[in-house]
Amino acid sequence: MGPTLDFLTLLPYVSELLKGFTTTVILTVVTTLTGLSLAVAVAYLRVNAQPWVRWGLGGYVEVTRNTPFIVQLFFIFFGLPGLGIKIDAITAAFIAMTLNLAAYSAEILRAGISATAKGQLEAGRALGMTTLQSYRHVVLVPAFARVYPALISQSIIVMLGSAVVSQISVFDLTYAANFIQSRNFRSFEVYLLITLVYLLLAFGMRRSFMLVGKRVFAYQQGEQR
């Protein structure tokens, strides 16, 4: 007799699934906001700051982009205590995910900023805009619009990569799946469900980002007119 599927065995663990789901969503929302905000600052400084600032930020970006996320996470959670800096697991996850998203997104944004002709910035100043207003309306907003799909994809990649934080005992979706599987031994049912949840989160994120983008960029275009 072949194996049988029994998803009802997961019902006693609904609270654990909800806890893991909530943790994953909170991690994703907070790190997306902080990571993209940091990315804007890094991209701006890499284009406009003094050479030593650009080199330093370039080093941060290259190190982050060329090392595994799990190594970055372990360095923050296990390595920093060796220097006397103790960080709890959830904070380490927030920091690692934020720095990772910021590094990748900064390079994406920098490409968008570099594609803006310098003459457009000068035209903005000629219209009476301050340097900050010119940068915001003439450079930053068009750059965001230009690379927005890539930023969406990068944010989703970081959300999916958050499964790694279960390795430092953050009770996210993957940790919940491992916890449940270790008790009911229904591996197929547990990981199939978690796979579907991650799929729904990814689709939901992409849809939400697209709706926000349409509203924000439509408003900015109307404001410029």
N, C-alpha and C. Protein backbone atom coordinates (compact mmCIF):
# COMPACT_ATOMS: atom_id res chain seq x y z
N MET A 1 0.85 -1.20 0.00
CA MET A 1 0.00 0.00 0.00
C MET A 1 0.88 1.25 0.00
N GLY A 2 0.58 2.19 -0.91
CA GLY A 2 1.39 3.39 -1.06
C GLY A 2 1.14 4.38 0.07
N PRO A 3 1.97 5.41 0.11
CA PRO A 3 1.83 6.43 1.14
C PRO A 3 0.55 7.24 0.95
N THR A 4 -0.01 7.73 2.04
CA THR A 4 -1.23 8.54 1.99
C THR A 4 -0.93 9.92 2.55
N LEU A 5 -1.63 10.90 2.00
CA LEU A 5 -1.47 12.28 2.46
C LEU A 5 -2.53 12.59 3.50
N ASP A 6 -2.13 13.30 4.54
CA ASP A 6 -3.07 13.64 5.60
C ASP A 6 -2.75 15.05 6.10
N PHE A 7 -3.39 16.04 5.47
CA PHE A 7 -3.15 17.43 5.87
C PHE A 7 -3.85 17.79 7.18
N LEU A 8 -4.77 16.93 7.61
CA LEU A 8 -5.46 17.20 8.88
C LEU A 8 -4.49 17.12 10.07
N THR A 9 -3.37 16.44 9.87
CA THR A 9 -2.39 16.34 10.96
C THR A 9 -1.73 17.70 11.24
N LEU A 10 -1.93 18.66 10.35
CA LEU A 10 -1.36 19.99 10.55
C LEU A 10 -2.25 20.90 11.39
N LEU A 11 -3.51 20.52 11.55
CA LEU A 11 -4.46 21.37 12.27
C LEU A 11 -4.03 21.70 13.71
N PRO A 12 -3.46 20.76 14.46
CA PRO A 12 -3.03 21.11 15.82
C PRO A 12 -1.92 22.16 15.87
N TYR A 13 -1.33 22.45 14.72
CA TYR A 13 -0.18 23.38 14.69
C TYR A 13 -0.50 24.69 13.99
N VAL A 14 -1.79 25.01 13.93
CA VAL A 14 -2.20 26.27 13.26
C VAL A 14 -1.56 27.48 13.94
N SER A 15 -1.50 27.47 15.26
CA SER A 15 -0.93 28.63 15.97
C SER A 15 0.54 28.82 15.62
N GLU A 16 1.29 27.71 15.49
CA GLU A 16 2.70 27.81 15.10
C GLU A 16 2.85 28.34 13.68
N LEU A 17 1.96 27.89 12.78
CA LEU A 17 2.00 28.38 11.40
C LEU A 17 1.70 29.88 11.34
N LEU A 18 0.71 30.30 12.11
CA LEU A 18 0.35 31.72 12.13
C LEU A 18 1.48 32.57 12.72
N LYS A 19 2.13 32.04 13.75
CA LYS A 19 3.25 32.77 14.35
C LYS A 19 4.40 32.91 13.35
N GLY A 20 4.70 31.81 12.65
CA GLY A 20 5.77 31.87 11.64
C GLY A 20 5.42 32.79 10.49
N PHE A 21 4.17 32.74 10.05
CA PHE A 21 3.71 33.61 8.96
C PHE A 21 3.81 35.08 9.37
N THR A 22 3.35 35.39 10.59
CA THR A 22 3.40 36.77 11.07
C THR A 22 4.83 37.28 11.16
N THR A 23 5.72 36.45 11.66
CA THR A 23 7.13 36.86 11.77
C THR A 23 7.73 37.13 10.40
N THR A 24 7.45 36.26 9.43
CA THR A 24 7.97 36.45 8.08
C THR A 24 7.44 37.73 7.45
N VAL A 25 6.16 38.01 7.63
CA VAL A 25 5.56 39.23 7.07
C VAL A 25 6.16 40.48 7.71
N ILE A 26 6.29 40.47 9.03
CA ILE A 26 6.87 41.63 9.72
C ILE A 26 8.32 41.86 9.28
N LEU A 27 9.10 40.78 9.23
CA LEU A 27 10.47 40.89 8.76
C LEU A 27 10.53 41.50 7.36
N THR A 28 9.65 41.03 6.49
CA THR A 28 9.64 41.49 5.10
C THR A 28 9.26 42.96 4.99
N VAL A 29 8.20 43.36 5.68
CA VAL A 29 7.72 44.75 5.59
C VAL A 29 8.77 45.72 6.14
N VAL A 30 9.29 45.42 7.33
CA VAL A 30 10.24 46.34 7.96
C VAL A 30 11.53 46.42 7.17
N THR A 31 12.07 45.28 6.75
CA THR A 31 13.35 45.30 6.03
C THR A 31 13.19 45.89 4.63
N THR A 32 12.04 45.75 4.02
CA THR A 32 11.82 46.38 2.71
C THR A 32 11.84 47.90 2.85
N LEU A 33 11.16 48.42 3.86
CA LEU A 33 11.13 49.87 4.08
C LEU A 33 12.51 50.41 4.44
N THR A 34 13.17 49.77 5.39
CA THR A 34 14.48 50.25 5.82
C THR A 34 15.55 49.99 4.76
N GLY A 35 15.48 48.85 4.10
CA GLY A 35 16.47 48.51 3.09
C GLY A 35 16.42 49.44 1.89
N LEU A 36 15.21 49.73 1.40
CA LEU A 36 15.09 50.62 0.25
C LEU A 36 15.46 52.06 0.62
N SER A 37 15.13 52.47 1.84
CA SER A 37 15.51 53.81 2.29
C SER A 37 17.03 53.94 2.35
N LEU A 38 17.68 52.93 2.91
CA LEU A 38 19.14 52.94 2.97
C LEU A 38 19.74 52.88 1.57
N ALA A 39 19.10 52.14 0.68
CA ALA A 39 19.59 52.03 -0.69
C ALA A 39 19.60 53.38 -1.39
N VAL A 40 18.57 54.19 -1.15
CA VAL A 40 18.52 55.53 -1.75
C VAL A 40 19.72 56.36 -1.31
N ALA A 41 20.01 56.32 -0.01
CA ALA A 41 21.14 57.09 0.53
C ALA A 41 22.47 56.58 -0.05
N VAL A 42 22.63 55.26 -0.09
CA VAL A 42 23.88 54.68 -0.61
C VAL A 42 24.06 55.01 -2.09
N ALA A 43 22.98 54.88 -2.87
CA ALA A 43 23.07 55.18 -4.30
C ALA A 43 23.42 56.64 -4.54
N TYR A 44 22.81 57.53 -3.77
CA TYR A 44 23.10 58.97 -3.92
C TYR A 44 24.55 59.26 -3.59
N LEU A 45 25.04 58.71 -2.48
CA LEU A 45 26.41 58.98 -2.06
C LEU A 45 27.43 58.36 -3.01
N ARG A 46 27.10 57.22 -3.57
CA ARG A 46 28.03 56.58 -4.50
C ARG A 46 28.18 57.37 -5.80
N VAL A 47 27.20 58.21 -6.09
CA VAL A 47 27.26 59.03 -7.29
C VAL A 47 27.82 60.42 -6.99
N ASN A 48 27.49 60.98 -5.81
CA ASN A 48 27.77 62.40 -5.55
C ASN A 48 28.78 62.68 -4.44
N ALA A 49 29.13 61.69 -3.63
CA ALA A 49 29.98 61.96 -2.46
C ALA A 49 31.46 62.04 -2.84
N GLN A 50 32.28 62.35 -1.83
CA GLN A 50 33.72 62.39 -2.00
C GLN A 50 34.25 60.99 -2.35
N PRO A 51 35.40 60.93 -3.03
CA PRO A 51 35.92 59.62 -3.47
C PRO A 51 36.06 58.60 -2.35
N TRP A 52 36.55 59.02 -1.17
CA TRP A 52 36.75 58.05 -0.09
C TRP A 52 35.43 57.48 0.41
N VAL A 53 34.34 58.29 0.34
CA VAL A 53 33.00 57.79 0.70
C VAL A 53 32.53 56.80 -0.34
N ARG A 54 32.73 57.14 -1.61
CA ARG A 54 32.30 56.23 -2.68
C ARG A 54 33.03 54.90 -2.60
N TRP A 55 34.33 54.94 -2.29
CA TRP A 55 35.11 53.71 -2.19
C TRP A 55 34.63 52.86 -1.01
N GLY A 56 34.38 53.52 0.11
CA GLY A 56 33.91 52.78 1.29
C GLY A 56 32.58 52.11 1.05
N LEU A 57 31.63 52.85 0.46
CA LEU A 57 30.31 52.28 0.17
C LEU A 57 30.41 51.22 -0.92
N GLY A 58 31.32 51.44 -1.86
CA GLY A 58 31.53 50.43 -2.90
C GLY A 58 32.03 49.13 -2.31
N GLY A 59 32.90 49.24 -1.30
CA GLY A 59 33.38 48.04 -0.62
C GLY A 59 32.26 47.30 0.08
N TYR A 60 31.39 48.05 0.77
CA TYR A 60 30.23 47.44 1.43
C TYR A 60 29.34 46.71 0.43
N VAL A 61 29.08 47.36 -0.70
CA VAL A 61 28.21 46.76 -1.72
C VAL A 61 28.84 45.49 -2.28
N GLU A 62 30.12 45.55 -2.60
CA GLU A 62 30.79 44.39 -3.21
C GLU A 62 30.89 43.22 -2.24
N VAL A 63 31.21 43.51 -0.98
CA VAL A 63 31.30 42.43 0.02
C VAL A 63 29.93 41.76 0.19
N THR A 64 28.89 42.57 0.27
CA THR A 64 27.54 42.04 0.47
C THR A 64 27.08 41.22 -0.73
N ARG A 65 27.35 41.71 -1.92
CA ARG A 65 26.88 41.03 -3.13
C ARG A 65 27.68 39.78 -3.46
N ASN A 66 28.86 39.64 -2.89
CA ASN A 66 29.73 38.51 -3.24
C ASN A 66 29.98 37.56 -2.09
N THR A 67 29.12 37.60 -1.08
CA THR A 67 29.18 36.62 0.00
C THR A 67 27.78 36.07 0.25
N PRO A 68 27.66 34.83 0.69
CA PRO A 68 26.34 34.25 0.94
C PRO A 68 25.59 34.98 2.06
N PHE A 69 24.29 35.10 1.90
CA PHE A 69 23.48 35.77 2.92
C PHE A 69 23.60 35.08 4.27
N ILE A 70 23.66 33.75 4.26
CA ILE A 70 23.73 33.03 5.53
C ILE A 70 25.04 33.36 6.26
N VAL A 71 26.12 33.59 5.52
CA VAL A 71 27.39 33.97 6.15
C VAL A 71 27.26 35.36 6.78
N GLN A 72 26.61 36.28 6.08
CA GLN A 72 26.38 37.62 6.63
C GLN A 72 25.55 37.54 7.91
N LEU A 73 24.52 36.70 7.89
CA LEU A 73 23.67 36.53 9.06
C LEU A 73 24.45 35.95 10.23
N PHE A 74 25.23 34.92 9.97
CA PHE A 74 26.03 34.29 11.02
C PHE A 74 27.08 35.26 11.58
N PHE A 75 27.67 36.07 10.70
CA PHE A 75 28.67 37.03 11.16
C PHE A 75 28.05 38.01 12.15
N ILE A 76 26.83 38.48 11.85
CA ILE A 76 26.16 39.44 12.73
C ILE A 76 25.73 38.78 14.04
N PHE A 77 25.16 37.58 13.93
CA PHE A 77 24.61 36.94 15.13
C PHE A 77 25.66 36.22 15.98
N PHE A 78 26.60 35.51 15.31
CA PHE A 78 27.60 34.75 16.05
C PHE A 78 28.95 35.47 16.14
N GLY A 79 29.27 36.27 15.10
CA GLY A 79 30.58 36.90 15.08
C GLY A 79 30.69 38.14 15.93
N LEU A 80 29.71 39.04 15.85
CA LEU A 80 29.79 40.30 16.60
C LEU A 80 29.88 40.12 18.12
N PRO A 81 29.23 39.11 18.71
CA PRO A 81 29.43 38.91 20.16
C PRO A 81 30.89 38.72 20.55
N GLY A 82 31.73 38.25 19.61
CA GLY A 82 33.16 38.12 19.89
C GLY A 82 33.82 39.48 20.12
N LEU A 83 33.17 40.55 19.62
CA LEU A 83 33.66 41.91 19.83
C LEU A 83 32.91 42.61 20.96
N GLY A 84 32.08 41.82 21.66
CA GLY A 84 31.31 42.38 22.76
C GLY A 84 29.99 42.98 22.35
N ILE A 85 29.59 42.78 21.09
CA ILE A 85 28.31 43.31 20.59
C ILE A 85 27.32 42.16 20.52
N LYS A 86 26.43 42.09 21.48
CA LYS A 86 25.46 41.00 21.55
C LYS A 86 24.11 41.47 20.96
N ILE A 87 23.60 40.70 20.02
CA ILE A 87 22.36 41.04 19.33
C ILE A 87 21.44 39.83 19.39
N ASP A 88 20.17 40.05 19.71
CA ASP A 88 19.23 38.93 19.74
C ASP A 88 18.92 38.48 18.32
N ALA A 89 18.31 37.32 18.19
CA ALA A 89 18.13 36.68 16.88
C ALA A 89 17.28 37.52 15.93
N ILE A 90 16.17 38.04 16.38
CA ILE A 90 15.27 38.79 15.49
C ILE A 90 15.93 40.08 15.02
N THR A 91 16.69 40.75 15.92
CA THR A 91 17.39 41.98 15.53
C THR A 91 18.47 41.67 14.51
N ALA A 92 19.20 40.58 14.72
CA ALA A 92 20.23 40.17 13.76
C ALA A 92 19.61 39.90 12.39
N ALA A 93 18.43 39.28 12.39
CA ALA A 93 17.74 39.01 11.12
C ALA A 93 17.35 40.31 10.43
N PHE A 94 16.81 41.27 11.18
CA PHE A 94 16.45 42.57 10.61
C PHE A 94 17.67 43.26 10.01
N ILE A 95 18.76 43.28 10.76
CA ILE A 95 19.98 43.97 10.29
C ILE A 95 20.53 43.31 9.03
N ALA A 96 20.65 41.98 9.06
CA ALA A 96 21.23 41.26 7.92
C ALA A 96 20.38 41.44 6.66
N MET A 97 19.06 41.32 6.80
CA MET A 97 18.18 41.46 5.65
C MET A 97 18.19 42.88 5.11
N THR A 98 18.22 43.87 6.01
CA THR A 98 18.24 45.27 5.59
C THR A 98 19.52 45.59 4.82
N LEU A 99 20.67 45.19 5.38
CA LEU A 99 21.93 45.47 4.72
C LEU A 99 22.04 44.75 3.38
N ASN A 100 21.53 43.54 3.31
CA ASN A 100 21.57 42.78 2.07
C ASN A 100 20.71 43.44 0.99
N LEU A 101 19.48 43.78 1.35
CA LEU A 101 18.58 44.43 0.38
C LEU A 101 19.13 45.78 -0.05
N ALA A 102 19.67 46.54 0.90
CA ALA A 102 20.19 47.87 0.58
C ALA A 102 21.34 47.80 -0.42
N ALA A 103 22.24 46.83 -0.24
CA ALA A 103 23.39 46.72 -1.13
C ALA A 103 22.97 46.43 -2.57
N TYR A 104 22.09 45.44 -2.74
CA TYR A 104 21.65 45.10 -4.09
C TYR A 104 20.80 46.22 -4.70
N SER A 105 19.90 46.79 -3.90
CA SER A 105 19.01 47.83 -4.41
C SER A 105 19.77 49.11 -4.74
N ALA A 106 20.83 49.39 -3.98
CA ALA A 106 21.62 50.59 -4.24
C ALA A 106 22.25 50.53 -5.63
N GLU A 107 22.74 49.35 -6.02
CA GLU A 107 23.33 49.21 -7.35
C GLU A 107 22.26 49.35 -8.43
N ILE A 108 21.07 48.81 -8.16
CA ILE A 108 19.98 48.95 -9.13
C ILE A 108 19.61 50.42 -9.29
N LEU A 109 19.48 51.12 -8.16
CA LEU A 109 19.13 52.54 -8.19
C LEU A 109 20.24 53.37 -8.83
N ARG A 110 21.48 53.03 -8.54
CA ARG A 110 22.60 53.78 -9.11
C ARG A 110 22.58 53.71 -10.63
N ALA A 111 22.20 52.56 -11.16
CA ALA A 111 22.08 52.43 -12.62
C ALA A 111 20.98 53.34 -13.14
N GLY A 112 19.87 53.43 -12.39
CA GLY A 112 18.78 54.30 -12.81
C GLY A 112 19.17 55.77 -12.74
N ILE A 113 19.90 56.13 -11.68
CA ILE A 113 20.35 57.52 -11.52
C ILE A 113 21.35 57.89 -12.61
N SER A 114 22.26 56.99 -12.91
CA SER A 114 23.29 57.26 -13.91
C SER A 114 22.69 57.44 -15.31
N ALA A 115 21.50 56.87 -15.52
CA ALA A 115 20.86 56.98 -16.83
C ALA A 115 20.19 58.34 -17.04
N THR A 116 20.11 59.16 -15.98
CA THR A 116 19.50 60.49 -16.09
C THR A 116 20.54 61.48 -16.62
N ALA A 117 20.21 62.15 -17.68
CA ALA A 117 21.13 63.11 -18.28
C ALA A 117 21.38 64.29 -17.34
N LYS A 118 22.63 64.73 -17.27
CA LYS A 118 22.97 65.85 -16.40
C LYS A 118 22.24 67.13 -16.80
N GLY A 119 21.94 67.24 -18.09
CA GLY A 119 21.24 68.42 -18.56
C GLY A 119 19.86 68.57 -17.95
N GLN A 120 19.22 67.44 -17.61
CA GLN A 120 17.90 67.49 -16.99
C GLN A 120 17.98 68.10 -15.60
N LEU A 121 19.05 67.75 -14.85
CA LEU A 121 19.24 68.32 -13.51
C LEU A 121 19.48 69.82 -13.60
N GLU A 122 20.27 70.23 -14.57
CA GLU A 122 20.54 71.65 -14.76
C GLU A 122 19.27 72.39 -15.17
N ALA A 123 18.43 71.74 -15.97
CA ALA A 123 17.16 72.35 -16.38
C ALA A 123 16.24 72.55 -15.18
N GLY A 124 16.27 71.62 -14.26
CA GLY A 124 15.47 71.75 -13.05
C GLY A 124 15.90 72.94 -12.22
N ARG A 125 17.18 73.12 -12.11
CA ARG A 125 17.70 74.27 -11.36
C ARG A 125 17.35 75.57 -12.07
N ALA A 126 17.37 75.55 -13.40
CA ALA A 126 17.03 76.75 -14.17
C ALA A 126 15.57 77.15 -13.96
N LEU A 127 14.73 76.17 -13.61
CA LEU A 127 13.31 76.45 -13.35
C LEU A 127 13.06 76.97 -11.94
N GLY A 128 14.15 77.11 -11.16
CA GLY A 128 14.02 77.67 -9.82
C GLY A 128 13.97 76.64 -8.72
N MET A 129 14.19 75.37 -9.04
CA MET A 129 14.21 74.33 -8.01
C MET A 129 15.51 74.40 -7.22
N THR A 130 15.42 74.02 -5.95
CA THR A 130 16.64 73.88 -5.16
C THR A 130 17.34 72.60 -5.59
N THR A 131 18.58 72.42 -5.10
CA THR A 131 19.33 71.20 -5.45
C THR A 131 18.58 69.96 -5.00
N LEU A 132 18.00 70.01 -3.77
CA LEU A 132 17.26 68.86 -3.25
C LEU A 132 16.01 68.59 -4.07
N GLN A 133 15.27 69.65 -4.42
CA GLN A 133 14.06 69.48 -5.23
C GLN A 133 14.39 68.94 -6.61
N SER A 134 15.46 69.45 -7.20
CA SER A 134 15.87 68.97 -8.52
C SER A 134 16.23 67.49 -8.47
N TYR A 135 16.97 67.12 -7.43
CA TYR A 135 17.38 65.72 -7.32
C TYR A 135 16.16 64.82 -7.12
N ARG A 136 15.24 65.29 -6.29
CA ARG A 136 14.06 64.46 -6.01
C ARG A 136 13.17 64.30 -7.24
N HIS A 137 12.80 65.41 -7.89
CA HIS A 137 11.84 65.35 -8.99
C HIS A 137 12.46 64.96 -10.33
N VAL A 138 13.68 65.40 -10.58
CA VAL A 138 14.28 65.20 -11.90
C VAL A 138 15.10 63.93 -11.96
N VAL A 139 15.71 63.54 -10.83
CA VAL A 139 16.61 62.38 -10.84
C VAL A 139 16.01 61.17 -10.13
N LEU A 140 15.65 61.34 -8.84
CA LEU A 140 15.29 60.19 -8.02
C LEU A 140 13.99 59.53 -8.46
N VAL A 141 12.93 60.32 -8.65
CA VAL A 141 11.64 59.73 -9.03
C VAL A 141 11.71 59.03 -10.39
N PRO A 142 12.26 59.68 -11.43
CA PRO A 142 12.40 58.95 -12.71
C PRO A 142 13.28 57.70 -12.59
N ALA A 143 14.34 57.80 -11.78
CA ALA A 143 15.21 56.63 -11.60
C ALA A 143 14.45 55.49 -10.94
N PHE A 144 13.64 55.81 -9.92
CA PHE A 144 12.82 54.80 -9.26
C PHE A 144 11.87 54.16 -10.26
N ALA A 145 11.20 54.99 -11.05
CA ALA A 145 10.25 54.47 -12.03
C ALA A 145 10.94 53.57 -13.05
N ARG A 146 12.17 53.95 -13.41
CA ARG A 146 12.92 53.21 -14.43
C ARG A 146 13.32 51.82 -13.94
N VAL A 147 13.67 51.70 -12.67
CA VAL A 147 14.18 50.42 -12.14
C VAL A 147 13.20 49.75 -11.18
N TYR A 148 11.98 50.27 -11.10
CA TYR A 148 11.01 49.76 -10.12
C TYR A 148 10.78 48.25 -10.23
N PRO A 149 10.59 47.70 -11.43
CA PRO A 149 10.40 46.24 -11.52
C PRO A 149 11.57 45.46 -10.93
N ALA A 150 12.80 45.94 -11.15
CA ALA A 150 13.97 45.25 -10.60
C ALA A 150 14.00 45.34 -9.08
N LEU A 151 13.58 46.48 -8.53
CA LEU A 151 13.51 46.63 -7.07
C LEU A 151 12.46 45.69 -6.47
N ILE A 152 11.35 45.53 -7.17
CA ILE A 152 10.32 44.59 -6.71
C ILE A 152 10.89 43.18 -6.63
N SER A 153 11.54 42.76 -7.71
CA SER A 153 12.11 41.41 -7.75
C SER A 153 13.14 41.22 -6.65
N GLN A 154 13.98 42.23 -6.41
CA GLN A 154 15.00 42.11 -5.38
C GLN A 154 14.38 42.00 -4.00
N SER A 155 13.32 42.75 -3.74
CA SER A 155 12.64 42.69 -2.44
C SER A 155 12.02 41.32 -2.22
N ILE A 156 11.46 40.74 -3.28
CA ILE A 156 10.88 39.40 -3.17
C ILE A 156 11.97 38.36 -2.92
N ILE A 157 13.11 38.51 -3.58
CA ILE A 157 14.23 37.60 -3.36
C ILE A 157 14.67 37.62 -1.90
N VAL A 158 14.74 38.82 -1.31
CA VAL A 158 15.13 38.93 0.10
C VAL A 158 14.08 38.29 1.00
N MET A 159 12.80 38.47 0.66
CA MET A 159 11.73 37.83 1.44
C MET A 159 11.89 36.31 1.41
N LEU A 160 12.13 35.76 0.23
CA LEU A 160 12.31 34.30 0.12
C LEU A 160 13.57 33.86 0.85
N GLY A 161 14.61 34.69 0.79
CA GLY A 161 15.85 34.37 1.48
C GLY A 161 15.73 34.44 2.99
N SER A 162 14.65 35.07 3.47
CA SER A 162 14.47 35.17 4.92
C SER A 162 14.30 33.81 5.57
N ALA A 163 14.03 32.78 4.76
CA ALA A 163 13.91 31.42 5.31
C ALA A 163 15.18 31.02 6.05
N VAL A 164 16.30 31.63 5.68
CA VAL A 164 17.59 31.31 6.30
C VAL A 164 17.62 31.69 7.78
N VAL A 165 16.82 32.70 8.17
CA VAL A 165 16.90 33.18 9.56
C VAL A 165 16.43 32.12 10.55
N SER A 166 15.78 31.09 10.05
CA SER A 166 15.40 29.98 10.94
C SER A 166 16.64 29.30 11.52
N GLN A 167 17.79 29.47 10.86
CA GLN A 167 19.03 28.85 11.32
C GLN A 167 19.56 29.49 12.60
N ILE A 168 19.08 30.69 12.94
CA ILE A 168 19.47 31.30 14.22
C ILE A 168 18.26 31.34 15.16
N SER A 169 17.30 30.44 14.91
CA SER A 169 16.14 30.22 15.78
C SER A 169 15.13 31.37 15.78
N VAL A 170 15.05 32.10 14.66
CA VAL A 170 13.95 33.05 14.49
C VAL A 170 12.73 32.24 14.05
N PHE A 171 11.61 32.41 14.74
CA PHE A 171 10.43 31.58 14.49
C PHE A 171 9.66 32.10 13.28
N ASP A 172 10.23 31.91 12.09
CA ASP A 172 9.56 32.31 10.86
C ASP A 172 8.83 31.11 10.27
N LEU A 173 8.39 31.23 9.02
CA LEU A 173 7.65 30.14 8.39
C LEU A 173 8.47 28.85 8.29
N THR A 174 9.73 28.98 7.90
CA THR A 174 10.56 27.79 7.76
C THR A 174 10.83 27.14 9.11
N TYR A 175 11.06 27.97 10.13
CA TYR A 175 11.26 27.42 11.48
C TYR A 175 10.00 26.69 11.92
N ALA A 176 8.84 27.27 11.64
CA ALA A 176 7.57 26.62 12.00
C ALA A 176 7.43 25.28 11.29
N ALA A 177 7.81 25.23 10.01
CA ALA A 177 7.72 23.98 9.25
C ALA A 177 8.64 22.92 9.84
N ASN A 178 9.87 23.31 10.17
CA ASN A 178 10.80 22.35 10.77
C ASN A 178 10.29 21.87 12.12
N PHE A 179 9.72 22.79 12.89
CA PHE A 179 9.18 22.45 14.21
C PHE A 179 8.05 21.43 14.09
N ILE A 180 7.13 21.68 13.15
CA ILE A 180 5.98 20.79 12.99
C ILE A 180 6.42 19.43 12.47
N GLN A 181 7.31 19.45 11.48
CA GLN A 181 7.76 18.19 10.89
C GLN A 181 8.48 17.31 11.91
N SER A 182 9.17 17.92 12.85
CA SER A 182 9.91 17.14 13.85
C SER A 182 8.97 16.47 14.85
N ARG A 183 7.70 16.90 14.85
CA ARG A 183 6.74 16.33 15.79
C ARG A 183 5.73 15.40 15.15
N ASN A 184 5.28 15.71 13.93
CA ASN A 184 4.31 14.79 13.32
C ASN A 184 4.89 13.95 12.18
N PHE A 185 6.12 14.26 11.77
CA PHE A 185 6.84 13.51 10.74
C PHE A 185 6.11 13.46 9.41
N ARG A 186 5.28 14.49 9.14
CA ARG A 186 4.57 14.59 7.86
C ARG A 186 5.30 15.61 6.99
N SER A 187 6.48 15.23 6.54
CA SER A 187 7.35 16.18 5.82
C SER A 187 6.71 16.71 4.55
N PHE A 188 6.12 15.82 3.75
CA PHE A 188 5.58 16.25 2.46
C PHE A 188 4.47 17.28 2.65
N GLU A 189 3.54 16.99 3.54
CA GLU A 189 2.41 17.90 3.76
C GLU A 189 2.88 19.25 4.31
N VAL A 190 3.81 19.21 5.26
CA VAL A 190 4.28 20.45 5.89
C VAL A 190 4.98 21.33 4.88
N TYR A 191 5.94 20.78 4.15
CA TYR A 191 6.74 21.61 3.24
C TYR A 191 5.97 22.00 1.98
N LEU A 192 4.98 21.18 1.59
CA LEU A 192 4.11 21.59 0.48
C LEU A 192 3.29 22.82 0.88
N LEU A 193 2.76 22.80 2.09
CA LEU A 193 1.98 23.94 2.58
C LEU A 193 2.84 25.19 2.67
N ILE A 194 4.05 25.06 3.21
CA ILE A 194 4.93 26.21 3.35
C ILE A 194 5.34 26.75 1.99
N THR A 195 5.55 25.86 1.03
CA THR A 195 5.88 26.28 -0.33
C THR A 195 4.75 27.13 -0.91
N LEU A 196 3.52 26.69 -0.73
CA LEU A 196 2.37 27.43 -1.23
C LEU A 196 2.24 28.79 -0.55
N VAL A 197 2.53 28.83 0.74
CA VAL A 197 2.46 30.10 1.48
C VAL A 197 3.50 31.08 0.96
N TYR A 198 4.72 30.61 0.73
CA TYR A 198 5.77 31.48 0.17
C TYR A 198 5.38 31.97 -1.22
N LEU A 199 4.78 31.09 -2.02
CA LEU A 199 4.31 31.49 -3.35
C LEU A 199 3.27 32.60 -3.25
N LEU A 200 2.32 32.43 -2.35
CA LEU A 200 1.28 33.45 -2.17
C LEU A 200 1.87 34.77 -1.68
N LEU A 201 2.85 34.68 -0.78
CA LEU A 201 3.52 35.90 -0.30
C LEU A 201 4.23 36.62 -1.44
N ALA A 202 4.90 35.86 -2.29
CA ALA A 202 5.62 36.47 -3.41
C ALA A 202 4.66 37.13 -4.38
N PHE A 203 3.58 36.43 -4.73
CA PHE A 203 2.58 37.02 -5.63
C PHE A 203 1.92 38.24 -5.00
N GLY A 204 1.61 38.13 -3.69
CA GLY A 204 1.00 39.25 -2.99
C GLY A 204 1.91 40.47 -2.93
N MET A 205 3.21 40.24 -2.67
CA MET A 205 4.17 41.35 -2.66
C MET A 205 4.25 42.03 -4.01
N ARG A 206 4.36 41.22 -5.08
CA ARG A 206 4.48 41.80 -6.41
C ARG A 206 3.25 42.62 -6.76
N ARG A 207 2.07 42.09 -6.44
CA ARG A 207 0.83 42.81 -6.73
C ARG A 207 0.75 44.11 -5.94
N SER A 208 1.10 44.05 -4.65
CA SER A 208 1.04 45.24 -3.80
C SER A 208 2.02 46.30 -4.28
N PHE A 209 3.24 45.88 -4.63
CA PHE A 209 4.24 46.81 -5.14
C PHE A 209 3.74 47.49 -6.42
N MET A 210 3.13 46.73 -7.31
CA MET A 210 2.67 47.30 -8.57
C MET A 210 1.56 48.32 -8.34
N LEU A 211 0.65 48.02 -7.41
CA LEU A 211 -0.42 48.97 -7.10
C LEU A 211 0.13 50.25 -6.51
N VAL A 212 1.09 50.10 -5.57
CA VAL A 212 1.71 51.28 -4.96
C VAL A 212 2.46 52.08 -6.01
N GLY A 213 3.18 51.40 -6.88
CA GLY A 213 3.94 52.08 -7.93
C GLY A 213 3.05 52.88 -8.85
N LYS A 214 1.94 52.30 -9.26
CA LYS A 214 1.02 53.02 -10.15
C LYS A 214 0.51 54.29 -9.50
N ARG A 215 0.16 54.21 -8.21
CA ARG A 215 -0.36 55.39 -7.51
C ARG A 215 0.72 56.45 -7.31
N VAL A 216 1.89 56.01 -6.85
CA VAL A 216 2.97 56.96 -6.56
C VAL A 216 3.45 57.66 -7.81
N PHE A 217 3.74 56.90 -8.86
CA PHE A 217 4.30 57.50 -10.07
C PHE A 217 3.25 58.30 -10.83
N ALA A 218 1.98 57.87 -10.76
CA ALA A 218 0.91 58.65 -11.38
C ALA A 218 0.76 59.99 -10.67
N TYR A 219 0.86 59.97 -9.33
CA TYR A 219 0.77 61.21 -8.54
C TYR A 219 1.93 62.14 -8.86
N GLN A 220 3.13 61.58 -8.95
CA GLN A 220 4.31 62.39 -9.24
C GLN A 220 4.21 63.03 -10.63
N GLN A 221 3.69 62.29 -11.61
CA GLN A 221 3.54 62.85 -12.94
C GLN A 221 2.51 63.96 -12.96
N GLY A 222 1.42 63.75 -12.19
CA GLY A 222 0.40 64.79 -12.11
C GLY A 222 0.93 66.03 -11.39
N GLU A 223 1.77 65.83 -10.38
CA GLU A 223 2.34 66.94 -9.62
C GLU A 223 3.27 67.76 -10.50
N GLN A 224 4.04 67.08 -11.36
CA GLN A 224 4.98 67.77 -12.23
C GLN A 224 4.25 68.58 -13.29
N ARG A 225 3.08 68.10 -13.72
CA ARG A 225 2.30 68.86 -14.70
C ARG A 225 1.69 70.11 -14.07
